[in-house]
Amino acid sequence: MANKLDCEIGFKVDWLRCTLPVETDKMLIAESHSAFALSDRKLGNMPAYNRCVAMKCGRLDWHSERPEQRLMLTLTGEDCTRLRAMGGDFRKLIKFLNEMPGVHFTRIDLAVDLLGGNRKSPQDLYTAVMTKKAQCRAQKHHQILSHSSSGELIGDTAYIGSRTSETMIRVYDKALETKQTDVQWVRVELELKNRQADAATWAIDRAGVESVTREMLSAFLSGTGVGWYEALLSDVNADKIVEEPGRKVTNWEQWLFDIVLPAVEKALREDVVGVREILEKALSKPVE
């Protein structure tokens, strides 16, 4: 008999970041929804960027002298909460961004809130992974337990996977974090970067946040034996929604895409002496 959840459940986007060609019209984004109207909030520059503008929800960053840095749109967890409060629809937002030329999603966090019912501990999943009972794509995991000076547990978080990888699950006791002692509340967050973020956002455009979150959680961590987690996955659509990303881009290839090709394009546009001739000569050689 399938497990059933004994609590309320909610799916949402809790972080979003993408990059676009630096020449992208910033006002096109600002005018797409009232949440992106320009704001007079004071912001500091992000690392590797020298220009920024604040919006009511999120920020835009770019480098005025380095077009290869691209234009970066960031919505933190607080921005995402504010956007929902202002009537924003993440599926529509992602569709809007996906239709913009040259968009690349570098991070998206998909969160699941499990509210009420019996206690659901992050340690349940951590133990299942560490005892090798679960099927998990990652090799690195750790848990952080925080205590007050009196020894009271004030934080319980499990990390399944590495922060430097393209996929990581973070499970934590949200009730402890928010000091709500009269409620059971655990949050499961799926942090996706680069190829996995792109795959997720294209799928969300087609099928919505809930279906994509369930499928990608199941693909990364399953067979745990943890009743509440398996119940969360029980409604995974039989038809595959998320397209598996291709092979990983090498550092050399990424360097070509991010640095060399934009520099060559700029040189051609500015008609730098000799560049066009060298490129034509290189392209005329037979491929061995």
Protein backbone atom coordinates (compact mmCIF):
# COMPACT_ATOMS: atom_id res chain seq x y z
CA MET A 1 0.00 0.00 0.00
CA ALA A 2 1.40 3.41 -0.96
CA ASN A 3 2.42 5.84 1.73
CA LYS A 4 0.19 8.84 2.25
CA LEU A 5 1.17 12.23 3.56
CA ASP A 6 -0.48 13.34 6.80
CA CYS A 7 0.22 17.04 6.26
CA GLU A 8 -0.28 20.02 4.01
CA ILE A 9 2.18 20.28 1.15
CA GLY A 10 3.24 23.23 -0.98
CA PHE A 11 5.63 23.59 -3.93
CA LYS A 12 7.38 26.80 -4.92
CA VAL A 13 10.42 28.43 -6.49
CA ASP A 14 12.66 29.78 -3.73
CA TRP A 15 15.62 31.16 -5.69
CA LEU A 16 16.17 32.05 -9.34
CA ARG A 17 19.15 33.30 -11.31
CA CYS A 18 19.75 33.55 -15.04
CA THR A 19 22.06 35.38 -17.42
CA LEU A 20 21.26 37.10 -20.70
CA PRO A 21 23.28 38.86 -23.40
CA VAL A 22 24.47 42.18 -21.99
CA GLU A 23 22.65 44.08 -24.73
CA THR A 24 19.27 42.76 -23.53
CA ASP A 25 16.81 45.62 -23.00
CA LYS A 26 16.63 46.00 -19.21
CA MET A 27 13.36 47.90 -19.45
CA LEU A 28 11.78 44.92 -21.21
CA ILE A 29 12.31 42.97 -18.00
CA ALA A 30 11.35 45.89 -15.75
CA GLU A 31 8.06 46.39 -17.60
CA SER A 32 7.10 42.70 -17.77
CA HIS A 33 5.49 42.77 -14.29
CA SER A 34 4.98 45.39 -11.59
CA ALA A 35 7.25 43.32 -9.31
CA PHE A 36 10.17 44.13 -11.60
CA ALA A 37 9.63 47.88 -11.63
CA LEU A 38 12.84 49.72 -10.90
CA SER A 39 13.41 50.56 -7.24
CA ASP A 40 15.56 53.09 -5.40
CA ARG A 41 16.86 50.41 -3.01
CA LYS A 42 20.59 50.82 -2.40
CA LEU A 43 22.67 47.90 -3.66
CA GLY A 44 26.35 47.09 -3.66
CA ASN A 45 27.99 45.65 -6.76
CA MET A 46 28.17 41.88 -7.07
CA PRO A 47 31.64 40.32 -7.48
CA ALA A 48 32.95 40.67 -11.06
CA TYR A 49 30.27 43.27 -11.91
CA ASN A 50 30.47 47.06 -11.82
CA ARG A 51 26.86 48.09 -12.52
CA CYS A 52 23.59 47.12 -10.90
CA VAL A 53 19.99 48.20 -10.64
CA ALA A 54 17.42 47.23 -8.02
CA MET A 55 13.89 46.13 -8.80
CA LYS A 56 11.01 45.72 -6.38
CA CYS A 57 11.76 41.99 -6.59
CA GLY A 58 15.29 41.07 -7.53
CA ARG A 59 18.22 42.84 -9.15
CA LEU A 60 20.10 43.16 -12.44
CA ASP A 61 23.91 43.17 -12.60
CA TRP A 62 26.31 43.71 -15.50
CA HIS A 63 29.82 44.94 -16.31
CA SER A 64 30.01 48.01 -18.49
CA GLU A 65 33.37 47.02 -20.01
CA ARG A 66 33.07 43.22 -20.09
CA PRO A 67 30.16 42.07 -22.26
CA GLU A 68 31.21 38.44 -21.76
CA GLN A 69 30.05 38.79 -18.15
CA ARG A 70 26.48 39.00 -19.50
CA LEU A 71 23.47 40.55 -17.80
CA MET A 72 22.54 38.69 -14.61
CA LEU A 73 19.03 38.58 -13.10
CA THR A 74 18.83 37.37 -9.49
CA LEU A 75 15.82 36.68 -7.28
CA THR A 76 16.69 35.55 -3.77
CA GLY A 77 14.33 33.62 -1.50
CA GLU A 78 12.99 36.90 -0.10
CA ASP A 79 12.48 38.24 -3.63
CA CYS A 80 10.57 35.09 -4.60
CA THR A 81 8.29 35.44 -1.55
CA ARG A 82 7.67 39.10 -2.39
CA LEU A 83 6.96 38.25 -6.03
CA ARG A 84 4.29 35.72 -5.03
CA ALA A 85 2.73 38.27 -2.68
CA MET A 86 2.50 40.68 -5.62
CA GLY A 87 0.66 38.13 -7.72
CA GLY A 88 3.64 36.91 -9.70
CA ASP A 89 3.41 33.54 -11.46
CA PHE A 90 6.76 31.74 -11.72
CA ARG A 91 5.67 29.53 -14.58
CA LYS A 92 4.75 32.61 -16.62
CA LEU A 93 7.99 34.33 -15.57
CA ILE A 94 10.11 31.36 -16.64
CA LYS A 95 8.24 31.14 -19.94
CA PHE A 96 8.87 34.87 -20.50
CA LEU A 97 12.59 34.47 -19.79
CA ASN A 98 12.90 31.30 -21.88
CA GLU A 99 11.56 33.22 -24.86
CA MET A 100 14.32 35.82 -24.57
CA PRO A 101 17.33 35.24 -26.86
CA GLY A 102 20.43 33.77 -25.21
CA VAL A 103 18.95 33.09 -21.76
CA HIS A 104 20.87 30.68 -19.52
CA PHE A 105 19.57 29.69 -16.08
CA THR A 106 22.45 29.28 -13.65
CA ARG A 107 20.46 28.44 -10.51
CA ILE A 108 16.94 27.60 -9.41
CA ASP A 109 15.83 26.30 -6.01
CA LEU A 110 12.63 24.27 -5.89
CA ALA A 111 11.17 24.04 -2.39
CA VAL A 112 8.58 21.72 -0.85
CA ASP A 113 6.99 22.67 2.48
CA LEU A 114 5.50 19.85 4.58
CA LEU A 115 3.34 21.47 7.25
CA GLY A 116 1.61 19.67 10.12
CA GLY A 117 1.14 15.99 10.86
CA ASN A 118 3.76 13.85 12.59
CA ARG A 119 7.35 15.03 12.93
CA LYS A 120 9.44 14.61 9.79
CA SER A 121 13.11 14.88 10.66
CA PRO A 122 15.86 15.81 8.19
CA GLN A 123 17.87 13.09 9.89
CA ASP A 124 15.49 10.50 8.39
CA LEU A 125 16.89 11.13 4.90
CA TYR A 126 20.46 11.66 6.09
CA THR A 127 20.47 8.29 7.85
CA ALA A 128 18.97 6.54 4.82
CA VAL A 129 21.73 7.92 2.60
CA MET A 130 24.60 7.32 5.01
CA THR A 131 23.55 3.71 5.64
CA LYS A 132 23.33 3.23 1.86
CA LYS A 133 19.68 2.22 2.02
CA ALA A 134 18.77 4.95 -0.45
CA GLN A 135 19.53 5.30 -4.14
CA CYS A 136 21.35 8.62 -4.45
CA ARG A 137 23.35 10.17 -7.29
CA ALA A 138 25.62 12.08 -4.93
CA GLN A 139 28.59 10.87 -2.86
CA LYS A 140 29.04 13.72 -0.41
CA HIS A 141 26.60 14.44 2.41
CA HIS A 142 26.65 16.15 5.78
CA GLN A 143 24.35 17.20 8.61
CA ILE A 144 24.40 20.27 10.82
CA LEU A 145 22.76 20.26 14.24
CA SER A 146 22.70 23.59 16.10
CA HIS A 147 22.15 23.96 19.85
CA SER A 148 21.59 26.90 22.17
CA SER A 149 23.91 27.56 25.12
CA SER A 150 21.49 25.55 27.26
CA GLY A 151 21.74 22.54 24.95
CA GLU A 152 18.37 23.03 23.26
CA LEU A 153 18.19 21.96 19.60
CA ILE A 154 17.65 25.09 17.50
CA GLY A 155 18.65 23.89 14.04
CA ASP A 156 18.53 20.62 12.10
CA THR A 157 19.70 20.54 8.49
CA ALA A 158 20.82 17.71 6.21
CA TYR A 159 22.68 18.27 2.94
CA ILE A 160 22.42 15.48 0.38
CA GLY A 161 25.07 16.19 -2.22
CA SER A 162 27.70 18.91 -2.53
CA ARG A 163 27.18 22.67 -2.78
CA THR A 164 29.62 22.72 -5.71
CA SER A 165 27.66 20.18 -7.77
CA GLU A 166 24.78 20.86 -10.14
CA THR A 167 22.23 19.14 -7.87
CA MET A 168 21.89 19.17 -4.09
CA ILE A 169 19.03 18.49 -1.68
CA ARG A 170 18.82 20.54 1.50
CA VAL A 171 16.34 19.34 4.14
CA TYR A 172 15.79 21.36 7.28
CA ASP A 173 13.40 21.86 10.15
CA LYS A 174 11.73 25.14 9.23
CA ALA A 175 9.81 25.25 12.52
CA LEU A 176 13.08 25.24 14.50
CA GLU A 177 14.57 27.88 12.20
CA THR A 178 11.58 30.20 12.65
CA LYS A 179 11.21 29.38 16.37
CA GLN A 180 7.68 28.03 15.95
CA THR A 181 7.38 25.43 18.70
CA ASP A 182 3.71 24.66 18.14
CA VAL A 183 3.92 23.37 14.56
CA GLN A 184 5.61 20.60 12.56
CA TRP A 185 7.24 22.08 9.48
CA VAL A 186 10.03 20.61 7.37
CA ARG A 187 11.27 21.99 4.09
CA VAL A 188 12.91 20.03 1.27
CA GLU A 189 14.87 22.22 -1.14
CA LEU A 190 16.28 21.04 -4.45
CA GLU A 191 19.12 23.36 -5.50
CA LEU A 192 19.86 23.10 -9.22
CA LYS A 193 22.65 24.83 -11.14
CA ASN A 194 23.69 25.33 -14.74
CA ARG A 195 22.64 22.36 -16.95
CA GLN A 196 20.24 21.02 -14.33
CA ALA A 197 18.75 24.50 -13.81
CA ASP A 198 18.25 24.90 -17.56
CA ALA A 199 16.62 21.46 -17.78
CA ALA A 200 14.30 22.27 -14.87
CA THR A 201 13.19 25.64 -16.19
CA TRP A 202 12.40 24.30 -19.66
CA ALA A 203 10.32 21.56 -18.03
CA ILE A 204 8.55 24.02 -15.69
CA ASP A 205 7.58 26.04 -18.75
CA ARG A 206 5.74 22.95 -20.03
CA ALA A 207 4.49 21.18 -16.89
CA GLY A 208 4.68 23.48 -13.86
CA VAL A 209 6.71 23.58 -10.66
CA GLU A 210 5.11 20.68 -8.76
CA SER A 211 5.53 17.98 -11.39
CA VAL A 212 9.11 18.98 -12.16
CA THR A 213 10.07 19.11 -8.48
CA ARG A 214 8.71 15.64 -7.80
CA GLU A 215 10.44 14.13 -10.83
CA MET A 216 13.83 15.73 -10.20
CA LEU A 217 13.77 14.81 -6.50
CA SER A 218 12.98 11.22 -7.44
CA ALA A 219 15.74 11.12 -10.06
CA PHE A 220 18.32 12.33 -7.52
CA LEU A 221 17.20 10.53 -4.34
CA SER A 222 14.77 7.62 -4.08
CA GLY A 223 14.27 4.24 -2.43
CA THR A 224 14.96 5.81 0.97
CA GLY A 225 12.47 3.81 2.98
CA VAL A 226 11.45 7.08 4.64
CA GLY A 227 7.64 7.05 4.58
CA TRP A 228 6.99 10.78 4.34
CA TYR A 229 9.61 11.32 1.62
CA GLU A 230 8.42 8.38 -0.48
CA ALA A 231 4.85 9.67 -0.12
CA LEU A 232 6.05 13.01 -1.42
CA LEU A 233 7.36 11.23 -4.53
CA SER A 234 4.33 8.94 -4.94
CA ASP A 235 2.60 11.18 -7.43
CA VAL A 236 5.53 11.37 -9.82
CA ASN A 237 4.13 11.46 -13.33
CA ALA A 238 4.70 8.22 -15.24
CA ASP A 239 5.58 10.25 -18.34
CA LYS A 240 9.05 11.80 -18.16
CA ILE A 241 8.92 15.59 -18.08
CA VAL A 242 12.52 16.70 -17.59
CA GLU A 243 14.95 16.13 -20.41
CA GLU A 244 18.26 14.75 -19.19
CA PRO A 245 21.06 17.28 -19.84
CA GLY A 246 23.78 16.17 -22.26
CA ARG A 247 27.35 15.45 -21.31
CA LYS A 248 29.07 17.91 -19.01
CA VAL A 249 30.76 20.82 -20.74
CA THR A 250 34.51 20.77 -20.12
CA ASN A 251 36.35 23.74 -18.61
CA TRP A 252 38.07 24.29 -21.96
CA GLU A 253 34.75 24.36 -23.81
CA GLN A 254 33.24 26.69 -21.22
CA TRP A 255 36.24 29.02 -21.69
CA LEU A 256 35.59 29.03 -25.44
CA PHE A 257 31.90 29.82 -24.96
CA ASP A 258 32.31 32.44 -22.23
CA ILE A 259 35.53 34.22 -23.23
CA VAL A 260 36.85 33.39 -26.70
CA LEU A 261 33.70 33.47 -28.83
CA PRO A 262 32.35 36.75 -27.35
CA ALA A 263 35.82 38.30 -27.86
CA VAL A 264 35.95 37.13 -31.49
CA GLU A 265 32.43 38.45 -32.10
CA LYS A 266 33.39 41.84 -30.63
CA ALA A 267 36.55 41.97 -32.76
CA LEU A 268 34.54 41.23 -35.91
CA ARG A 269 31.96 43.88 -35.06
CA GLU A 270 34.71 46.45 -34.49
CA ASP A 271 36.52 45.27 -37.62
CA VAL A 272 39.83 44.75 -35.81
CA VAL A 273 42.60 44.45 -38.41
CA GLY A 274 43.56 40.89 -39.30
CA VAL A 275 40.92 39.07 -37.22
CA ARG A 276 38.52 38.35 -40.08
CA GLU A 277 41.36 37.03 -42.28
CA ILE A 278 42.71 34.73 -39.55
CA LEU A 279 39.21 33.39 -38.83
CA GLU A 280 38.47 32.76 -42.52
CA LYS A 281 41.81 30.97 -42.89
CA ALA A 282 41.11 28.77 -39.86
CA LEU A 283 37.63 27.88 -41.10
CA SER A 284 38.91 27.00 -44.56
CA LYS A 285 41.17 24.24 -43.20
CA PRO A 286 39.79 20.71 -43.47
CA VAL A 287 38.71 19.09 -40.20
CA GLU A 288 41.02 16.16 -39.38
